Amino acid sequence: MADSNTFLISAEGSSYGMVVDPGSEVRLVSEFLRQVGISKVDVLLTHGHFDHVCGVAEISRLFSTRVFMNPDDEIHLKRNNFYLRALGEKRLVDTFEYLPFPTNDEILKSVQVISAPGHTKGGVLFSVAECVFVGDLIMRRKVFSATVPGHNKEQWALTVRDIWPIISAHKHVFLGHGGFTAPDELLIENSELRLLLGL
């Protein structure tokens, strides 16, 4: 199974945290949450592909958790285990309940949810202070991969062009795969992105 990044958003000293895209390393994530004193968790999903949601059900069982995802990606939740079997994977995605992103949630008020269709129909980004979490909308060295169901290359190109000013206004870009970087570094490393943006 393809490993993806899982991120924690939390204020220092707080017992509350937001976990972004809990993929396959749930034990490591849950141990880390306990080590830093997190006891209440909300899960934020950038999209519904299996490598970003495999750990959601287990995190939900271990912590007091609400899960948020764009309902336009529910089709992936229904198809993820089919994809995994087709790839010869033994691990499957446990089902979980989710809520659409709220418009006026006091706890989530520090997170701006930005619609980012293309990689999937319901893909979103999360903007928090100087950080933006882009899921799989942009990769470190490439921008588009047609090997995953749900891609719409034309929509994706429009989305990336439209929201690049938002992404580039952040100090840190957290990628679904390959860690984090800065917008300027991403442009240096990603020739496809430069070409798409006409740079």
C-alpha atoms as a PDB file:
ATOM      1  CA  MET A   1       0.000   0.000   0.000  1.00  0.00           C
ATOM      2  CA  ALA A   2       1.324   3.457  -0.827  1.00  0.00           C
ATOM      3  CA  ASP A   3       2.320   5.327   2.296  1.00  0.00           C
ATOM      4  CA  SER A   4       1.034   8.827   2.709  1.00  0.00           C
ATOM      5  CA  ASN A   5       1.832  11.544   5.204  1.00  0.00           C
ATOM      6  CA  THR A   6      -0.251  12.102   8.307  1.00  0.00           C
ATOM      7  CA  PHE A   7      -0.067  15.504   9.986  1.00  0.00           C
ATOM      8  CA  LEU A   8      -1.066  16.828  13.401  1.00  0.00           C
ATOM      9  CA  ILE A   9      -2.344  20.374  13.878  1.00  0.00           C
ATOM     10  CA  SER A  10      -2.384  21.404  17.529  1.00  0.00           C
ATOM     11  CA  ALA A  11      -1.571  24.336  19.769  1.00  0.00           C
ATOM     12  CA  GLU A  12       1.387  23.732  22.056  1.00  0.00           C
ATOM     13  CA  GLY A  13       0.213  22.324  25.390  1.00  0.00           C
ATOM     14  CA  SER A  14      -3.303  21.619  24.129  1.00  0.00           C
ATOM     15  CA  SER A  15      -5.011  18.258  24.655  1.00  0.00           C
ATOM     16  CA  TYR A  16      -6.889  18.745  21.351  1.00  0.00           C
ATOM     17  CA  GLY A  17      -5.509  18.086  17.895  1.00  0.00           C
ATOM     18  CA  MET A  18      -6.581  17.785  14.286  1.00  0.00           C
ATOM     19  CA  VAL A  19      -5.145  14.825  12.405  1.00  0.00           C
ATOM     20  CA  VAL A  20      -4.901  15.281   8.643  1.00  0.00           C
ATOM     21  CA  ASP A  21      -5.173  12.165   6.436  1.00  0.00           C
ATOM     22  CA  PRO A  22      -4.419   9.285   8.833  1.00  0.00           C
ATOM     23  CA  GLY A  23      -3.104   6.635   6.462  1.00  0.00           C
ATOM     24  CA  SER A  24      -1.402   3.368   7.274  1.00  0.00           C
ATOM     25  CA  GLU A  25       0.790   4.124  10.329  1.00  0.00           C
ATOM     26  CA  VAL A  26      -1.982   4.388  12.920  1.00  0.00           C
ATOM     27  CA  ARG A  27      -0.003   2.868  15.793  1.00  0.00           C
ATOM     28  CA  LEU A  28       2.786   5.398  15.347  1.00  0.00           C
ATOM     29  CA  VAL A  29       0.265   8.224  15.069  1.00  0.00           C
ATOM     30  CA  SER A  30      -1.694   7.172  18.153  1.00  0.00           C
ATOM     31  CA  GLU A  31       1.514   6.681  20.201  1.00  0.00           C
ATOM     32  CA  PHE A  32       2.709  10.126  19.170  1.00  0.00           C
ATOM     33  CA  LEU A  33      -0.643  11.709  20.066  1.00  0.00           C
ATOM     34  CA  ARG A  34      -0.466  10.166  23.534  1.00  0.00           C
ATOM     35  CA  GLN A  35       3.178  11.207  23.997  1.00  0.00           C
ATOM     36  CA  VAL A  36       2.339  14.853  23.314  1.00  0.00           C
ATOM     37  CA  GLY A  37      -0.763  14.756  25.526  1.00  0.00           C
ATOM     38  CA  ILE A  38      -3.482  14.761  22.855  1.00  0.00           C
ATOM     39  CA  SER A  39      -6.658  13.077  24.080  1.00  0.00           C
ATOM     40  CA  LYS A  40      -9.335  14.611  21.810  1.00  0.00           C
ATOM     41  CA  VAL A  41      -8.945  14.453  18.038  1.00  0.00           C
ATOM     42  CA  ASP A  42     -10.808  15.571  14.950  1.00  0.00           C
ATOM     43  CA  VAL A  43      -9.824  14.002  11.630  1.00  0.00           C
ATOM     44  CA  LEU A  44      -9.652  16.147   8.497  1.00  0.00           C
ATOM     45  CA  LEU A  45      -9.472  14.391   5.123  1.00  0.00           C
ATOM     46  CA  THR A  46      -8.100  16.096   2.025  1.00  0.00           C
ATOM     47  CA  HIS A  47      -9.712  13.375  -0.104  1.00  0.00           C
ATOM     48  CA  GLY A  48     -11.084   9.849   0.130  1.00  0.00           C
ATOM     49  CA  HIS A  49      -8.380   7.646  -1.434  1.00  0.00           C
ATOM     50  CA  PHE A  50      -7.417   4.568   0.579  1.00  0.00           C
ATOM     51  CA  ASP A  51      -3.865   5.671   1.349  1.00  0.00           C
ATOM     52  CA  HIS A  52      -5.239   8.757   3.126  1.00  0.00           C
ATOM     53  CA  VAL A  53      -8.100   7.095   5.037  1.00  0.00           C
ATOM     54  CA  CYS A  54      -6.870   3.619   6.063  1.00  0.00           C
ATOM     55  CA  GLY A  55      -6.329   4.695   9.663  1.00  0.00           C
ATOM     56  CA  VAL A  56      -9.509   6.706  10.192  1.00  0.00           C
ATOM     57  CA  ALA A  57     -11.613   3.922  11.748  1.00  0.00           C
ATOM     58  CA  GLU A  58      -8.872   2.957  14.194  1.00  0.00           C
ATOM     59  CA  ILE A  59      -8.150   6.563  15.199  1.00  0.00           C
ATOM     60  CA  SER A  60     -11.897   6.965  15.739  1.00  0.00           C
ATOM     61  CA  ARG A  61     -11.933   3.933  18.034  1.00  0.00           C
ATOM     62  CA  LEU A  62      -8.940   5.158  20.057  1.00  0.00           C
ATOM     63  CA  PHE A  63      -9.900   8.808  20.499  1.00  0.00           C
ATOM     64  CA  SER A  64     -12.967  10.960  20.847  1.00  0.00           C
ATOM     65  CA  THR A  65     -13.162  11.745  17.157  1.00  0.00           C
ATOM     66  CA  ARG A  66     -15.203  13.546  14.559  1.00  0.00           C
ATOM     67  CA  VAL A  67     -14.228  12.891  10.947  1.00  0.00           C
ATOM     68  CA  PHE A  68     -14.687  15.561   8.263  1.00  0.00           C
ATOM     69  CA  MET A  69     -14.601  14.988   4.506  1.00  0.00           C
ATOM     70  CA  ASN A  70     -16.210  16.490   1.432  1.00  0.00           C
ATOM     71  CA  PRO A  71     -19.237  14.255   0.606  1.00  0.00           C
ATOM     72  CA  ASP A  72     -18.267  14.398  -3.083  1.00  0.00           C
ATOM     73  CA  ASP A  73     -15.541  11.868  -2.234  1.00  0.00           C
ATOM     74  CA  GLU A  74     -17.847   9.286  -0.649  1.00  0.00           C
ATOM     75  CA  ILE A  75     -17.651   7.191  -3.819  1.00  0.00           C
ATOM     76  CA  HIS A  76     -13.993   6.496  -3.022  1.00  0.00           C
ATOM     77  CA  LEU A  77     -14.893   5.200   0.439  1.00  0.00           C
ATOM     78  CA  LYS A  78     -17.224   2.733  -1.262  1.00  0.00           C
ATOM     79  CA  ARG A  79     -14.586   1.651  -3.802  1.00  0.00           C
ATOM     80  CA  ASN A  80     -11.350   1.702  -1.768  1.00  0.00           C
ATOM     81  CA  ASN A  81     -11.402  -1.994  -0.848  1.00  0.00           C
ATOM     82  CA  PHE A  82     -12.024  -2.953  -4.480  1.00  0.00           C
ATOM     83  CA  TYR A  83      -8.943  -0.916  -5.458  1.00  0.00           C
ATOM     84  CA  LEU A  84      -6.865  -2.505  -2.707  1.00  0.00           C
ATOM     85  CA  ARG A  85      -7.854  -6.032  -3.726  1.00  0.00           C
ATOM     86  CA  ALA A  86      -7.051  -5.207  -7.362  1.00  0.00           C
ATOM     87  CA  LEU A  87      -3.593  -4.111  -6.213  1.00  0.00           C
ATOM     88  CA  GLY A  88      -3.117  -7.397  -4.331  1.00  0.00           C
ATOM     89  CA  GLU A  89      -3.166  -5.743  -0.912  1.00  0.00           C
ATOM     90  CA  LYS A  90      -4.231  -7.765   2.133  1.00  0.00           C
ATOM     91  CA  ARG A  91      -5.180  -4.821   4.331  1.00  0.00           C
ATOM     92  CA  LEU A  92      -8.584  -3.280   3.741  1.00  0.00           C
ATOM     93  CA  VAL A  93     -10.148   0.012   4.802  1.00  0.00           C
ATOM     94  CA  ASP A  94     -12.587  -0.274   7.706  1.00  0.00           C
ATOM     95  CA  THR A  95     -15.764   1.734   7.292  1.00  0.00           C
ATOM     96  CA  PHE A  96     -16.240   4.946   9.257  1.00  0.00           C
ATOM     97  CA  GLU A  97     -18.772   7.714   9.597  1.00  0.00           C
ATOM     98  CA  TYR A  98     -17.910  11.230   8.485  1.00  0.00           C
ATOM     99  CA  LEU A  99     -19.445  14.690   8.513  1.00  0.00           C
ATOM    100  CA  PRO A 100     -19.290  17.375   5.817  1.00  0.00           C
ATOM    101  CA  PHE A 101     -17.060  20.296   6.716  1.00  0.00           C
ATOM    102  CA  PRO A 102     -19.034  22.693   8.916  1.00  0.00           C
ATOM    103  CA  THR A 103     -19.374  26.368   8.111  1.00  0.00           C
ATOM    104  CA  ASN A 104     -19.362  27.613  11.684  1.00  0.00           C
ATOM    105  CA  ASP A 105     -17.666  25.141  14.010  1.00  0.00           C
ATOM    106  CA  GLU A 106     -16.003  26.867  16.954  1.00  0.00           C
ATOM    107  CA  ILE A 107     -13.278  24.233  17.280  1.00  0.00           C
ATOM    108  CA  LEU A 108     -12.383  24.217  13.574  1.00  0.00           C
ATOM    109  CA  LYS A 109     -12.471  28.001  13.150  1.00  0.00           C
ATOM    110  CA  SER A 110      -8.683  28.145  12.736  1.00  0.00           C
ATOM    111  CA  VAL A 111      -8.866  25.970   9.600  1.00  0.00           C
ATOM    112  CA  GLN A 112      -9.823  27.350   6.208  1.00  0.00           C
ATOM    113  CA  VAL A 113     -11.166  24.552   3.991  1.00  0.00           C
ATOM    114  CA  ILE A 114     -10.519  25.289   0.304  1.00  0.00           C
ATOM    115  CA  SER A 115     -12.235  23.328  -2.453  1.00  0.00           C
ATOM    116  CA  ALA A 116      -9.630  21.735  -4.733  1.00  0.00           C
ATOM    117  CA  PRO A 117     -11.260  19.343  -7.214  1.00  0.00           C
ATOM    118  CA  GLY A 118      -9.160  17.521  -9.770  1.00  0.00           C
ATOM    119  CA  HIS A 119      -7.234  14.783  -7.991  1.00  0.00           C
ATOM    120  CA  THR A 120     -10.681  13.770  -6.776  1.00  0.00           C
ATOM    121  CA  LYS A 121     -14.013  15.511  -7.210  1.00  0.00           C
ATOM    122  CA  GLY A 122     -14.243  16.331  -3.500  1.00  0.00           C
ATOM    123  CA  GLY A 123     -10.597  17.163  -2.848  1.00  0.00           C
ATOM    124  CA  VAL A 124      -9.864  20.012  -0.443  1.00  0.00           C
ATOM    125  CA  LEU A 125      -6.882  21.890   0.982  1.00  0.00           C
ATOM    126  CA  PHE A 126      -6.496  23.088   4.558  1.00  0.00           C
ATOM    127  CA  SER A 127      -4.994  26.481   5.327  1.00  0.00           C
ATOM    128  CA  VAL A 128      -3.855  27.009   8.910  1.00  0.00           C
ATOM    129  CA  ALA A 129      -1.756  30.081   9.734  1.00  0.00           C
ATOM    130  CA  GLU A 130       1.420  29.847   7.599  1.00  0.00           C
ATOM    131  CA  CYS A 131       0.753  26.233   6.569  1.00  0.00           C
ATOM    132  CA  VAL A 132      -1.254  24.685   3.753  1.00  0.00           C
ATOM    133  CA  PHE A 133      -2.039  20.967   3.536  1.00  0.00           C
ATOM    134  CA  VAL A 134      -2.521  20.026  -0.132  1.00  0.00           C
ATOM    135  CA  GLY A 135      -3.138  16.269  -0.025  1.00  0.00           C
ATOM    136  CA  ASP A 136      -2.288  14.812  -3.435  1.00  0.00           C
ATOM    137  CA  LEU A 137      -3.197  17.862  -5.493  1.00  0.00           C
ATOM    138  CA  ILE A 138       0.503  18.595  -5.988  1.00  0.00           C
ATOM    139  CA  MET A 139       3.443  16.236  -5.543  1.00  0.00           C
ATOM    140  CA  ARG A 140       7.040  17.193  -4.900  1.00  0.00           C
ATOM    141  CA  ARG A 141       8.329  16.432  -8.401  1.00  0.00           C
ATOM    142  CA  LYS A 142       5.175  15.933 -10.430  1.00  0.00           C
ATOM    143  CA  VAL A 143       1.738  17.386 -10.545  1.00  0.00           C
ATOM    144  CA  PHE A 144      -0.544  14.803 -12.052  1.00  0.00           C
ATOM    145  CA  SER A 145      -0.803  11.038 -12.046  1.00  0.00           C
ATOM    146  CA  ALA A 146      -3.565   9.354 -14.028  1.00  0.00           C
ATOM    147  CA  THR A 147      -3.110   6.007 -12.249  1.00  0.00           C
ATOM    148  CA  VAL A 148      -5.543   6.706  -9.414  1.00  0.00           C
ATOM    149  CA  PRO A 149      -9.321   6.641  -9.925  1.00  0.00           C
ATOM    150  CA  GLY A 150     -11.130   9.943  -9.672  1.00  0.00           C
ATOM    151  CA  HIS A 151      -8.625  12.122 -11.515  1.00  0.00           C
ATOM    152  CA  ASN A 152      -9.961  14.786 -13.812  1.00  0.00           C
ATOM    153  CA  LYS A 153      -6.923  16.264 -15.522  1.00  0.00           C
ATOM    154  CA  GLU A 154      -8.684  19.306 -16.965  1.00  0.00           C
ATOM    155  CA  GLN A 155     -10.355  20.194 -13.648  1.00  0.00           C
ATOM    156  CA  TRP A 156      -7.105  19.579 -11.814  1.00  0.00           C
ATOM    157  CA  ALA A 157      -5.194  21.992 -14.088  1.00  0.00           C
ATOM    158  CA  LEU A 158      -7.824  24.693 -13.566  1.00  0.00           C
ATOM    159  CA  THR A 159      -7.744  24.158  -9.799  1.00  0.00           C
ATOM    160  CA  VAL A 160      -3.957  24.319  -9.534  1.00  0.00           C
ATOM    161  CA  ARG A 161      -3.820  27.522 -11.591  1.00  0.00           C
ATOM    162  CA  ASP A 162      -6.646  29.098  -9.572  1.00  0.00           C
ATOM    163  CA  ILE A 163      -5.343  28.248  -6.129  1.00  0.00           C
ATOM    164  CA  TRP A 164      -1.591  28.560  -6.655  1.00  0.00           C
ATOM    165  CA  PRO A 165      -1.723  32.162  -5.337  1.00  0.00           C
ATOM    166  CA  ILE A 166      -3.292  30.804  -2.130  1.00  0.00           C
ATOM    167  CA  ILE A 167      -0.702  28.028  -1.821  1.00  0.00           C
ATOM    168  CA  SER A 168       2.217  30.329  -2.606  1.00  0.00           C
ATOM    169  CA  ALA A 169       1.118  32.783   0.115  1.00  0.00           C
ATOM    170  CA  HIS A 170       1.967  30.165   2.765  1.00  0.00           C
ATOM    171  CA  LYS A 171       5.371  29.554   4.299  1.00  0.00           C
ATOM    172  CA  HIS A 172       5.002  25.755   4.426  1.00  0.00           C
ATOM    173  CA  VAL A 173       3.340  23.360   1.971  1.00  0.00           C
ATOM    174  CA  PHE A 174       2.528  19.942   3.472  1.00  0.00           C
ATOM    175  CA  LEU A 175       2.294  17.312   0.740  1.00  0.00           C
ATOM    176  CA  GLY A 176       0.300  14.086   0.779  1.00  0.00           C
ATOM    177  CA  HIS A 177       3.494  12.209  -0.110  1.00  0.00           C
ATOM    178  CA  GLY A 178       7.070  13.334   0.383  1.00  0.00           C
ATOM    179  CA  GLY A 179       7.003  15.541   3.455  1.00  0.00           C
ATOM    180  CA  PHE A 180       6.766  19.304   3.402  1.00  0.00           C
ATOM    181  CA  THR A 181       8.412  22.116   1.522  1.00  0.00           C
ATOM    182  CA  ALA A 182       8.109  25.810   0.763  1.00  0.00           C
ATOM    183  CA  PRO A 183       6.293  27.167  -2.310  1.00  0.00           C
ATOM    184  CA  ASP A 184       9.534  28.469  -3.873  1.00  0.00           C
ATOM    185  CA  GLU A 185      11.280  25.119  -3.354  1.00  0.00           C
ATOM    186  CA  LEU A 186       8.306  23.308  -4.833  1.00  0.00           C
ATOM    187  CA  LEU A 187       8.565  25.417  -7.976  1.00  0.00           C
ATOM    188  CA  ILE A 188      12.285  24.644  -8.246  1.00  0.00           C
ATOM    189  CA  GLU A 189      11.750  20.887  -7.852  1.00  0.00           C
ATOM    190  CA  ASN A 190       8.600  20.539  -9.942  1.00  0.00           C
ATOM    191  CA  SER A 191       9.115  21.398 -13.612  1.00  0.00           C
ATOM    192  CA  GLU A 192       5.567  20.226 -14.486  1.00  0.00           C
ATOM    193  CA  LEU A 193       4.140  22.746 -12.041  1.00  0.00           C
ATOM    194  CA  ARG A 194       6.250  25.557 -13.487  1.00  0.00           C
ATOM    195  CA  LEU A 195       5.075  24.640 -16.994  1.00  0.00           C
ATOM    196  CA  LEU A 196       1.426  24.519 -15.896  1.00  0.00           C
ATOM    197  CA  LEU A 197       1.731  27.939 -14.251  1.00  0.00           C
ATOM    198  CA  GLY A 198       3.605  29.400 -17.235  1.00  0.00           C
ATOM    199  CA  LEU A 199       6.746  30.149 -15.221  1.00  0.00           C
END
